[in-house]
ModelCIF file with pLDDT and N, C-alpha, C, O atoms, coordinates in Angstrom:
data_MODEL
#
_entry.id   MODEL 
#
_entity.id                         1 
_entity.type                       polymer 
_entity.pdbx_number_of_molecules   1 
#
_entity_poly.entity_id                      1 
_entity_poly.type                           'polypeptide(L)' 
_entity_poly.nstd_linkage                   no 
_entity_poly.nstd_monomer                   no 
_entity_poly.pdbx_seq_one_letter_code       YILEACSPGDLVIIHGSVLHKSERNTSPKTRFAYTFHMVESPPYA 
_entity_poly.pdbx_seq_one_letter_code_can   YILEACSPGDLVIIHGSVLHKSERNTSPKTRFAYTFHMVESPPYA 
_entity_poly.pdbx_strand_id                 A 
#
loop_
_entity_poly_seq.entity_id 
_entity_poly_seq.num 
_entity_poly_seq.mon_id 
_entity_poly_seq.hetero 
1 1  TYR n 
1 2  ILE n 
1 3  LEU n 
1 4  GLU n 
1 5  ALA n 
1 6  CYS n 
1 7  SER n 
1 8  PRO n 
1 9  GLY n 
1 10 ASP n 
1 11 LEU n 
1 12 VAL n 
1 13 ILE n 
1 14 ILE n 
1 15 HIS n 
1 16 GLY n 
1 17 SER n 
1 18 VAL n 
1 19 LEU n 
1 20 HIS n 
1 21 LYS n 
1 22 SER n 
1 23 GLU n 
1 24 ARG n 
1 25 ASN n 
1 26 THR n 
1 27 SER n 
1 28 PRO n 
1 29 LYS n 
1 30 THR n 
1 31 ARG n 
1 32 PHE n 
1 33 ALA n 
1 34 TYR n 
1 35 THR n 
1 36 PHE n 
1 37 HIS n 
1 38 MET n 
1 39 VAL n 
1 40 GLU n 
1 41 SER n 
1 42 PRO n 
1 43 PRO n 
1 44 TYR n 
1 45 ALA n 
#
_struct_asym.id          A 
_struct_asym.entity_id   1 
#
loop_
_ma_qa_metric.id 
_ma_qa_metric.mode 
_ma_qa_metric.name 
_ma_qa_metric.software_group_id 
_ma_qa_metric.type 
1 global pLDDT . pLDDT 
2 local  pLDDT . pLDDT 
#
_ma_qa_metric_global.metric_id      1 
_ma_qa_metric_global.metric_value   95.53 
_ma_qa_metric_global.model_id       1 
_ma_qa_metric_global.ordinal_id     1 
#
loop_
_ma_qa_metric_local.label_asym_id 
_ma_qa_metric_local.label_comp_id 
_ma_qa_metric_local.label_seq_id 
_ma_qa_metric_local.metric_id 
_ma_qa_metric_local.metric_value 
_ma_qa_metric_local.model_id 
_ma_qa_metric_local.ordinal_id 
A TYR 1  2 96.00 1 1  
A ILE 2  2 97.00 1 2  
A LEU 3  2 96.00 1 3  
A GLU 4  2 96.00 1 4  
A ALA 5  2 95.00 1 5  
A CYS 6  2 97.00 1 6  
A SER 7  2 97.00 1 7  
A PRO 8  2 98.00 1 8  
A GLY 9  2 98.00 1 9  
A ASP 10 2 98.00 1 10 
A LEU 11 2 98.00 1 11 
A VAL 12 2 98.00 1 12 
A ILE 13 2 98.00 1 13 
A ILE 14 2 98.00 1 14 
A HIS 15 2 97.00 1 15 
A GLY 16 2 97.00 1 16 
A SER 17 2 96.00 1 17 
A VAL 18 2 97.00 1 18 
A LEU 19 2 96.00 1 19 
A HIS 20 2 95.00 1 20 
A LYS 21 2 94.00 1 21 
A SER 22 2 93.00 1 22 
A GLU 23 2 90.00 1 23 
A ARG 24 2 89.00 1 24 
A ASN 25 2 89.00 1 25 
A THR 26 2 89.00 1 26 
A SER 27 2 92.00 1 27 
A PRO 28 2 92.00 1 28 
A LYS 29 2 91.00 1 29 
A THR 30 2 90.00 1 30 
A ARG 31 2 92.00 1 31 
A PHE 32 2 95.00 1 32 
A ALA 33 2 97.00 1 33 
A TYR 34 2 98.00 1 34 
A THR 35 2 98.00 1 35 
A PHE 36 2 98.00 1 36 
A HIS 37 2 98.00 1 37 
A MET 38 2 98.00 1 38 
A VAL 39 2 98.00 1 39 
A GLU 40 2 98.00 1 40 
A SER 41 2 97.00 1 41 
A PRO 42 2 96.00 1 42 
A PRO 43 2 96.00 1 43 
A TYR 44 2 96.00 1 44 
A ALA 45 2 97.00 1 45 
#
loop_
_atom_site.group_PDB 
_atom_site.id 
_atom_site.type_symbol 
_atom_site.label_atom_id 
_atom_site.label_alt_id 
_atom_site.label_comp_id 
_atom_site.label_asym_id 
_atom_site.label_entity_id 
_atom_site.label_seq_id 
_atom_site.pdbx_PDB_ins_code 
_atom_site.Cartn_x 
_atom_site.Cartn_y 
_atom_site.Cartn_z 
_atom_site.occupancy 
_atom_site.B_iso_or_equiv 
_atom_site.pdbx_formal_charge 
_atom_site.auth_seq_id 
_atom_site.auth_comp_id 
_atom_site.auth_asym_id 
_atom_site.auth_atom_id 
_atom_site.pdbx_PDB_model_num 
ATOM 1   N N  . TYR A 1 1  ? -52.474 111.788 -138.884 1.00 96.00 ? 1  TYR A N  1 
ATOM 2   C CA . TYR A 1 1  ? -52.661 113.123 -138.335 1.00 96.00 ? 1  TYR A CA 1 
ATOM 3   C C  . TYR A 1 1  ? -53.677 113.893 -139.183 1.00 96.00 ? 1  TYR A C  1 
ATOM 4   O O  . TYR A 1 1  ? -53.695 113.787 -140.409 1.00 96.00 ? 1  TYR A O  1 
ATOM 5   N N  . ILE A 1 2  ? -54.518 114.667 -138.500 1.00 97.00 ? 2  ILE A N  1 
ATOM 6   C CA . ILE A 1 2  ? -55.519 115.502 -139.164 1.00 97.00 ? 2  ILE A CA 1 
ATOM 7   C C  . ILE A 1 2  ? -55.093 116.963 -139.048 1.00 97.00 ? 2  ILE A C  1 
ATOM 8   O O  . ILE A 1 2  ? -54.924 117.478 -137.942 1.00 97.00 ? 2  ILE A O  1 
ATOM 9   N N  . LEU A 1 3  ? -54.922 117.621 -140.178 1.00 96.00 ? 3  LEU A N  1 
ATOM 10  C CA . LEU A 1 3  ? -54.560 119.033 -140.180 1.00 96.00 ? 3  LEU A CA 1 
ATOM 11  C C  . LEU A 1 3  ? -55.820 119.872 -140.015 1.00 96.00 ? 3  LEU A C  1 
ATOM 12  O O  . LEU A 1 3  ? -56.809 119.678 -140.721 1.00 96.00 ? 3  LEU A O  1 
ATOM 13  N N  . GLU A 1 4  ? -55.766 120.809 -139.069 1.00 96.00 ? 4  GLU A N  1 
ATOM 14  C CA . GLU A 1 4  ? -56.913 121.670 -138.793 1.00 96.00 ? 4  GLU A CA 1 
ATOM 15  C C  . GLU A 1 4  ? -56.626 123.082 -139.301 1.00 96.00 ? 4  GLU A C  1 
ATOM 16  O O  . GLU A 1 4  ? -56.091 123.923 -138.579 1.00 96.00 ? 4  GLU A O  1 
ATOM 17  N N  . ALA A 1 5  ? -56.992 123.320 -140.553 1.00 95.00 ? 5  ALA A N  1 
ATOM 18  C CA . ALA A 1 5  ? -56.923 124.686 -141.063 1.00 95.00 ? 5  ALA A CA 1 
ATOM 19  C C  . ALA A 1 5  ? -57.946 125.527 -140.306 1.00 95.00 ? 5  ALA A C  1 
ATOM 20  O O  . ALA A 1 5  ? -59.079 125.093 -140.101 1.00 95.00 ? 5  ALA A O  1 
ATOM 21  N N  . CYS A 1 6  ? -57.550 126.723 -139.895 1.00 97.00 ? 6  CYS A N  1 
ATOM 22  C CA . CYS A 1 6  ? -58.399 127.549 -139.039 1.00 97.00 ? 6  CYS A CA 1 
ATOM 23  C C  . CYS A 1 6  ? -58.508 128.956 -139.586 1.00 97.00 ? 6  CYS A C  1 
ATOM 24  O O  . CYS A 1 6  ? -57.648 129.424 -140.332 1.00 97.00 ? 6  CYS A O  1 
ATOM 25  N N  . SER A 1 7  ? -59.576 129.616 -139.201 1.00 97.00 ? 7  SER A N  1 
ATOM 26  C CA . SER A 1 7  ? -59.783 131.022 -139.539 1.00 97.00 ? 7  SER A CA 1 
ATOM 27  C C  . SER A 1 7  ? -59.610 131.870 -138.289 1.00 97.00 ? 7  SER A C  1 
ATOM 28  O O  . SER A 1 7  ? -59.762 131.364 -137.177 1.00 97.00 ? 7  SER A O  1 
ATOM 29  N N  . PRO A 1 8  ? -59.297 133.142 -138.451 1.00 98.00 ? 8  PRO A N  1 
ATOM 30  C CA . PRO A 1 8  ? -59.150 134.019 -137.290 1.00 98.00 ? 8  PRO A CA 1 
ATOM 31  C C  . PRO A 1 8  ? -60.404 134.007 -136.419 1.00 98.00 ? 8  PRO A C  1 
ATOM 32  O O  . PRO A 1 8  ? -61.524 134.137 -136.913 1.00 98.00 ? 8  PRO A O  1 
ATOM 33  N N  . GLY A 1 9  ? -60.191 133.849 -135.107 1.00 98.00 ? 9  GLY A N  1 
ATOM 34  C CA . GLY A 1 9  ? -61.307 133.839 -134.173 1.00 98.00 ? 9  GLY A CA 1 
ATOM 35  C C  . GLY A 1 9  ? -61.842 132.472 -133.827 1.00 98.00 ? 9  GLY A C  1 
ATOM 36  O O  . GLY A 1 9  ? -62.672 132.349 -132.926 1.00 98.00 ? 9  GLY A O  1 
ATOM 37  N N  . ASP A 1 10 ? -61.386 131.428 -134.524 1.00 98.00 ? 10 ASP A N  1 
ATOM 38  C CA . ASP A 1 10 ? -61.738 130.067 -134.104 1.00 98.00 ? 10 ASP A CA 1 
ATOM 39  C C  . ASP A 1 10 ? -61.086 129.791 -132.747 1.00 98.00 ? 10 ASP A C  1 
ATOM 40  O O  . ASP A 1 10 ? -60.122 130.457 -132.370 1.00 98.00 ? 10 ASP A O  1 
ATOM 41  N N  . LEU A 1 11 ? -61.606 128.824 -132.031 1.00 98.00 ? 11 LEU A N  1 
ATOM 42  C CA . LEU A 1 11 ? -60.987 128.353 -130.796 1.00 98.00 ? 11 LEU A CA 1 
ATOM 43  C C  . LEU A 1 11 ? -60.746 126.861 -130.927 1.00 98.00 ? 11 LEU A C  1 
ATOM 44  O O  . LEU A 1 11 ? -61.667 126.094 -131.209 1.00 98.00 ? 11 LEU A O  1 
ATOM 45  N N  . VAL A 1 12 ? -59.484 126.451 -130.720 1.00 98.00 ? 12 VAL A N  1 
ATOM 46  C CA . VAL A 1 12 ? -59.154 125.028 -130.713 1.00 98.00 ? 12 VAL A CA 1 
ATOM 47  C C  . VAL A 1 12 ? -58.817 124.648 -129.273 1.00 98.00 ? 12 VAL A C  1 
ATOM 48  O O  . VAL A 1 12 ? -57.913 125.219 -128.664 1.00 98.00 ? 12 VAL A O  1 
ATOM 49  N N  . ILE A 1 13 ? -59.550 123.688 -128.744 1.00 98.00 ? 13 ILE A N  1 
ATOM 50  C CA . ILE A 1 13 ? -59.349 123.207 -127.375 1.00 98.00 ? 13 ILE A CA 1 
ATOM 51  C C  . ILE A 1 13 ? -58.559 121.913 -127.452 1.00 98.00 ? 13 ILE A C  1 
ATOM 52  O O  . ILE A 1 13 ? -58.920 121.002 -128.197 1.00 98.00 ? 13 ILE A O  1 
ATOM 53  N N  . ILE A 1 14 ? -57.466 121.830 -126.671 1.00 98.00 ? 14 ILE A N  1 
ATOM 54  C CA . ILE A 1 14 ? -56.488 120.756 -126.838 1.00 98.00 ? 14 ILE A CA 1 
ATOM 55  C C  . ILE A 1 14 ? -56.291 120.016 -125.516 1.00 98.00 ? 14 ILE A C  1 
ATOM 56  O O  . ILE A 1 14 ? -55.765 120.589 -124.562 1.00 98.00 ? 14 ILE A O  1 
ATOM 57  N N  . HIS A 1 15 ? -56.702 118.772 -125.452 1.00 97.00 ? 15 HIS A N  1 
ATOM 58  C CA . HIS A 1 15 ? -56.478 117.948 -124.259 1.00 97.00 ? 15 HIS A CA 1 
ATOM 59  C C  . HIS A 1 15 ? -54.978 117.791 -124.021 1.00 97.00 ? 15 HIS A C  1 
ATOM 60  O O  . HIS A 1 15 ? -54.208 117.645 -124.970 1.00 97.00 ? 15 HIS A O  1 
ATOM 61  N N  . GLY A 1 16 ? -54.571 117.822 -122.765 1.00 97.00 ? 16 GLY A N  1 
ATOM 62  C CA . GLY A 1 16 ? -53.160 117.799 -122.427 1.00 97.00 ? 16 GLY A CA 1 
ATOM 63  C C  . GLY A 1 16 ? -52.407 116.554 -122.821 1.00 97.00 ? 16 GLY A C  1 
ATOM 64  O O  . GLY A 1 16 ? -51.176 116.559 -122.817 1.00 97.00 ? 16 GLY A O  1 
ATOM 65  N N  . SER A 1 17 ? -53.109 115.474 -123.166 1.00 96.00 ? 17 SER A N  1 
ATOM 66  C CA . SER A 1 17 ? -52.440 114.240 -123.552 1.00 96.00 ? 17 SER A CA 1 
ATOM 67  C C  . SER A 1 17 ? -52.516 113.956 -125.052 1.00 96.00 ? 17 SER A C  1 
ATOM 68  O O  . SER A 1 17 ? -51.880 113.017 -125.530 1.00 96.00 ? 17 SER A O  1 
ATOM 69  N N  . VAL A 1 18 ? -53.278 114.748 -125.799 1.00 97.00 ? 18 VAL A N  1 
ATOM 70  C CA . VAL A 1 18 ? -53.411 114.459 -127.227 1.00 97.00 ? 18 VAL A CA 1 
ATOM 71  C C  . VAL A 1 18 ? -52.132 114.882 -127.949 1.00 97.00 ? 18 VAL A C  1 
ATOM 72  O O  . VAL A 1 18 ? -51.582 115.949 -127.677 1.00 97.00 ? 18 VAL A O  1 
ATOM 73  N N  . LEU A 1 19 ? -51.671 114.052 -128.856 1.00 96.00 ? 19 LEU A N  1 
ATOM 74  C CA . LEU A 1 19 ? -50.470 114.347 -129.636 1.00 96.00 ? 19 LEU A CA 1 
ATOM 75  C C  . LEU A 1 19 ? -50.809 115.315 -130.759 1.00 96.00 ? 19 LEU A C  1 
ATOM 76  O O  . LEU A 1 19 ? -51.794 115.137 -131.477 1.00 96.00 ? 19 LEU A O  1 
ATOM 77  N N  . HIS A 1 20 ? -49.975 116.344 -130.901 1.00 95.00 ? 20 HIS A N  1 
ATOM 78  C CA . HIS A 1 20 ? -50.180 117.322 -131.969 1.00 95.00 ? 20 HIS A CA 1 
ATOM 79  C C  . HIS A 1 20 ? -48.838 117.905 -132.379 1.00 95.00 ? 20 HIS A C  1 
ATOM 80  O O  . HIS A 1 20 ? -47.831 117.710 -131.699 1.00 95.00 ? 20 HIS A O  1 
ATOM 81  N N  . LYS A 1 21 ? -48.831 118.615 -133.486 1.00 94.00 ? 21 LYS A N  1 
ATOM 82  C CA . LYS A 1 21 ? -47.588 119.147 -134.049 1.00 94.00 ? 21 LYS A CA 1 
ATOM 83  C C  . LYS A 1 21 ? -47.937 120.231 -135.053 1.00 94.00 ? 21 LYS A C  1 
ATOM 84  O O  . LYS A 1 21 ? -49.104 120.425 -135.392 1.00 94.00 ? 21 LYS A O  1 
ATOM 85  N N  . SER A 1 22 ? -46.915 120.937 -135.528 1.00 93.00 ? 22 SER A N  1 
ATOM 86  C CA . SER A 1 22 ? -47.104 121.851 -136.651 1.00 93.00 ? 22 SER A CA 1 
ATOM 87  C C  . SER A 1 22 ? -45.824 121.880 -137.477 1.00 93.00 ? 22 SER A C  1 
ATOM 88  O O  . SER A 1 22 ? -44.726 121.698 -136.950 1.00 93.00 ? 22 SER A O  1 
ATOM 89  N N  . GLU A 1 23 ? -45.979 122.110 -138.769 1.00 90.00 ? 23 GLU A N  1 
ATOM 90  C CA . GLU A 1 23 ? -44.837 122.120 -139.677 1.00 90.00 ? 23 GLU A CA 1 
ATOM 91  C C  . GLU A 1 23 ? -44.224 123.521 -139.743 1.00 90.00 ? 23 GLU A C  1 
ATOM 92  O O  . GLU A 1 23 ? -44.813 124.494 -139.273 1.00 90.00 ? 23 GLU A O  1 
ATOM 93  N N  . ARG A 1 24 ? -43.059 123.600 -140.322 1.00 89.00 ? 24 ARG A N  1 
ATOM 94  C CA . ARG A 1 24 ? -42.387 124.876 -140.536 1.00 89.00 ? 24 ARG A CA 1 
ATOM 95  C C  . ARG A 1 24 ? -43.248 125.778 -141.425 1.00 89.00 ? 24 ARG A C  1 
ATOM 96  O O  . ARG A 1 24 ? -43.940 125.304 -142.326 1.00 89.00 ? 24 ARG A O  1 
ATOM 97  N N  . ASN A 1 25 ? -43.192 127.056 -141.162 1.00 89.00 ? 25 ASN A N  1 
ATOM 98  C CA . ASN A 1 25 ? -43.881 128.017 -142.015 1.00 89.00 ? 25 ASN A CA 1 
ATOM 99  C C  . ASN A 1 25 ? -43.027 128.267 -143.262 1.00 89.00 ? 25 ASN A C  1 
ATOM 100 O O  . ASN A 1 25 ? -41.993 128.931 -143.189 1.00 89.00 ? 25 ASN A O  1 
ATOM 101 N N  . THR A 1 26 ? -43.457 127.742 -144.380 1.00 89.00 ? 26 THR A N  1 
ATOM 102 C CA . THR A 1 26 ? -42.714 127.907 -145.634 1.00 89.00 ? 26 THR A CA 1 
ATOM 103 C C  . THR A 1 26 ? -43.293 129.030 -146.496 1.00 89.00 ? 26 THR A C  1 
ATOM 104 O O  . THR A 1 26 ? -42.834 129.272 -147.612 1.00 89.00 ? 26 THR A O  1 
ATOM 105 N N  . SER A 1 27 ? -44.296 129.701 -145.966 1.00 92.00 ? 27 SER A N  1 
ATOM 106 C CA . SER A 1 27 ? -44.993 130.719 -146.747 1.00 92.00 ? 27 SER A CA 1 
ATOM 107 C C  . SER A 1 27 ? -44.423 132.112 -146.467 1.00 92.00 ? 27 SER A C  1 
ATOM 108 O O  . SER A 1 27 ? -43.610 132.272 -145.556 1.00 92.00 ? 27 SER A O  1 
ATOM 109 N N  . PRO A 1 28 ? -44.837 133.111 -147.232 1.00 92.00 ? 28 PRO A N  1 
ATOM 110 C CA . PRO A 1 28 ? -44.411 134.492 -146.966 1.00 92.00 ? 28 PRO A CA 1 
ATOM 111 C C  . PRO A 1 28 ? -45.291 135.204 -145.939 1.00 92.00 ? 28 PRO A C  1 
ATOM 112 O O  . PRO A 1 28 ? -45.156 136.411 -145.739 1.00 92.00 ? 28 PRO A O  1 
ATOM 113 N N  . LYS A 1 29 ? -46.192 134.463 -145.287 1.00 91.00 ? 29 LYS A N  1 
ATOM 114 C CA . LYS A 1 29 ? -47.148 135.071 -144.367 1.00 91.00 ? 29 LYS A CA 1 
ATOM 115 C C  . LYS A 1 29 ? -46.897 134.591 -142.938 1.00 91.00 ? 29 LYS A C  1 
ATOM 116 O O  . LYS A 1 29 ? -46.486 133.451 -142.721 1.00 91.00 ? 29 LYS A O  1 
ATOM 117 N N  . THR A 1 30 ? -47.148 135.474 -141.964 1.00 90.00 ? 30 THR A N  1 
ATOM 118 C CA . THR A 1 30 ? -47.084 135.075 -140.556 1.00 90.00 ? 30 THR A CA 1 
ATOM 119 C C  . THR A 1 30 ? -48.286 134.194 -140.208 1.00 90.00 ? 30 THR A C  1 
ATOM 120 O O  . THR A 1 30 ? -49.247 134.105 -140.971 1.00 90.00 ? 30 THR A O  1 
ATOM 121 N N  . ARG A 1 31 ? -48.213 133.543 -139.039 1.00 92.00 ? 31 ARG A N  1 
ATOM 122 C CA . ARG A 1 31 ? -49.331 132.750 -138.526 1.00 92.00 ? 31 ARG A CA 1 
ATOM 123 C C  . ARG A 1 31 ? -49.471 133.066 -137.031 1.00 92.00 ? 31 ARG A C  1 
ATOM 124 O O  . ARG A 1 31 ? -49.138 132.245 -136.176 1.00 92.00 ? 31 ARG A O  1 
ATOM 125 N N  . PHE A 1 32 ? -49.965 134.264 -136.738 1.00 95.00 ? 32 PHE A N  1 
ATOM 126 C CA . PHE A 1 32 ? -50.133 134.680 -135.347 1.00 95.00 ? 32 PHE A CA 1 
ATOM 127 C C  . PHE A 1 32 ? -51.281 133.904 -134.704 1.00 95.00 ? 32 PHE A C  1 
ATOM 128 O O  . PHE A 1 32 ? -52.350 133.742 -135.293 1.00 95.00 ? 32 PHE A O  1 
ATOM 129 N N  . ALA A 1 33 ? -51.035 133.430 -133.486 1.00 97.00 ? 33 ALA A N  1 
ATOM 130 C CA . ALA A 1 33 ? -52.078 132.766 -132.714 1.00 97.00 ? 33 ALA A CA 1 
ATOM 131 C C  . ALA A 1 33 ? -51.871 133.098 -131.248 1.00 97.00 ? 33 ALA A C  1 
ATOM 132 O O  . ALA A 1 33 ? -50.738 133.231 -130.786 1.00 97.00 ? 33 ALA A O  1 
ATOM 133 N N  . TYR A 1 34 ? -52.975 133.233 -130.516 1.00 98.00 ? 34 TYR A N  1 
ATOM 134 C CA . TYR A 1 34 ? -52.914 133.427 -129.072 1.00 98.00 ? 34 TYR A CA 1 
ATOM 135 C C  . TYR A 1 34 ? -53.306 132.126 -128.393 1.00 98.00 ? 34 TYR A C  1 
ATOM 136 O O  . TYR A 1 34 ? -54.321 131.519 -128.737 1.00 98.00 ? 34 TYR A O  1 
ATOM 137 N N  . THR A 1 35 ? -52.504 131.702 -127.434 1.00 98.00 ? 35 THR A N  1 
ATOM 138 C CA . THR A 1 35 ? -52.814 130.461 -126.724 1.00 98.00 ? 35 THR A CA 1 
ATOM 139 C C  . THR A 1 35 ? -52.526 130.615 -125.244 1.00 98.00 ? 35 THR A C  1 
ATOM 140 O O  . THR A 1 35 ? -51.610 131.329 -124.837 1.00 98.00 ? 35 THR A O  1 
ATOM 141 N N  . PHE A 1 36 ? -53.332 129.927 -124.452 1.00 98.00 ? 36 PHE A N  1 
ATOM 142 C CA . PHE A 1 36 ? -53.090 129.848 -123.016 1.00 98.00 ? 36 PHE A CA 1 
ATOM 143 C C  . PHE A 1 36 ? -53.531 128.470 -122.542 1.00 98.00 ? 36 PHE A C  1 
ATOM 144 O O  . PHE A 1 36 ? -54.145 127.711 -123.292 1.00 98.00 ? 36 PHE A O  1 
ATOM 145 N N  . HIS A 1 37 ? -53.215 128.157 -121.302 1.00 98.00 ? 37 HIS A N  1 
ATOM 146 C CA . HIS A 1 37 ? -53.499 126.827 -120.784 1.00 98.00 ? 37 HIS A CA 1 
ATOM 147 C C  . HIS A 1 37 ? -54.226 126.913 -119.454 1.00 98.00 ? 37 HIS A C  1 
ATOM 148 O O  . HIS A 1 37 ? -54.163 127.922 -118.751 1.00 98.00 ? 37 HIS A O  1 
ATOM 149 N N  . MET A 1 38 ? -54.910 125.838 -119.130 1.00 98.00 ? 38 MET A N  1 
ATOM 150 C CA . MET A 1 38 ? -55.521 125.676 -117.818 1.00 98.00 ? 38 MET A CA 1 
ATOM 151 C C  . MET A 1 38 ? -55.060 124.359 -117.220 1.00 98.00 ? 38 MET A C  1 
ATOM 152 O O  . MET A 1 38 ? -54.869 123.372 -117.931 1.00 98.00 ? 38 MET A O  1 
ATOM 153 N N  . VAL A 1 39 ? -54.885 124.356 -115.905 1.00 98.00 ? 39 VAL A N  1 
ATOM 154 C CA . VAL A 1 39 ? -54.645 123.124 -115.165 1.00 98.00 ? 39 VAL A CA 1 
ATOM 155 C C  . VAL A 1 39 ? -55.566 123.122 -113.949 1.00 98.00 ? 39 VAL A C  1 
ATOM 156 O O  . VAL A 1 39 ? -56.061 124.163 -113.517 1.00 98.00 ? 39 VAL A O  1 
ATOM 157 N N  . GLU A 1 40 ? -55.779 121.934 -113.417 1.00 98.00 ? 40 GLU A N  1 
ATOM 158 C CA . GLU A 1 40 ? -56.580 121.785 -112.203 1.00 98.00 ? 40 GLU A CA 1 
ATOM 159 C C  . GLU A 1 40 ? -55.816 122.332 -111.012 1.00 98.00 ? 40 GLU A C  1 
ATOM 160 O O  . GLU A 1 40 ? -54.588 122.257 -110.974 1.00 98.00 ? 40 GLU A O  1 
ATOM 161 N N  . SER A 1 41 ? -56.524 122.877 -110.050 1.00 97.00 ? 41 SER A N  1 
ATOM 162 C CA . SER A 1 41 ? -55.898 123.443 -108.859 1.00 97.00 ? 41 SER A CA 1 
ATOM 163 C C  . SER A 1 41 ? -56.088 122.503 -107.669 1.00 97.00 ? 41 SER A C  1 
ATOM 164 O O  . SER A 1 41 ? -56.945 121.620 -107.711 1.00 97.00 ? 41 SER A O  1 
ATOM 165 N N  . PRO A 1 42 ? -55.288 122.687 -106.595 1.00 96.00 ? 42 PRO A N  1 
ATOM 166 C CA . PRO A 1 42 ? -55.457 121.874 -105.384 1.00 96.00 ? 42 PRO A CA 1 
ATOM 167 C C  . PRO A 1 42 ? -56.859 122.113 -104.792 1.00 96.00 ? 42 PRO A C  1 
ATOM 168 O O  . PRO A 1 42 ? -57.397 123.213 -104.912 1.00 96.00 ? 42 PRO A O  1 
ATOM 169 N N  . PRO A 1 43 ? -57.446 121.097 -104.159 1.00 96.00 ? 43 PRO A N  1 
ATOM 170 C CA . PRO A 1 43 ? -56.839 119.800 -103.815 1.00 96.00 ? 43 PRO A CA 1 
ATOM 171 C C  . PRO A 1 43 ? -57.022 118.735 -104.895 1.00 96.00 ? 43 PRO A C  1 
ATOM 172 O O  . PRO A 1 43 ? -56.741 117.560 -104.663 1.00 96.00 ? 43 PRO A O  1 
ATOM 173 N N  . TYR A 1 44 ? -57.490 119.142 -106.065 1.00 96.00 ? 44 TYR A N  1 
ATOM 174 C CA . TYR A 1 44 ? -57.844 118.159 -107.094 1.00 96.00 ? 44 TYR A CA 1 
ATOM 175 C C  . TYR A 1 44 ? -56.632 117.677 -107.884 1.00 96.00 ? 44 TYR A C  1 
ATOM 176 O O  . TYR A 1 44 ? -56.657 116.585 -108.452 1.00 96.00 ? 44 TYR A O  1 
ATOM 177 N N  . ALA A 1 45 ? -55.581 118.477 -107.924 1.00 97.00 ? 45 ALA A N  1 
ATOM 178 C CA . ALA A 1 45 ? -54.337 118.089 -108.601 1.00 97.00 ? 45 ALA A CA 1 
ATOM 179 C C  . ALA A 1 45 ? -53.193 118.883 -107.988 1.00 97.00 ? 45 ALA A C  1 
ATOM 180 O O  . ALA A 1 45 ? -52.043 118.725 -108.398 1.00 97.00 ? 45 ALA A O  1 
#
């Protein structure tokens, strides 16, 4: 697994089949992130 440390304002694009994970937050700091998803619409899916 490759850990992707990120800075505010980066964009990470994630294929729906790629395996990924994240560990527990053991630090005294929050890790706010905004995420949304896209899927194909009919008649394509």
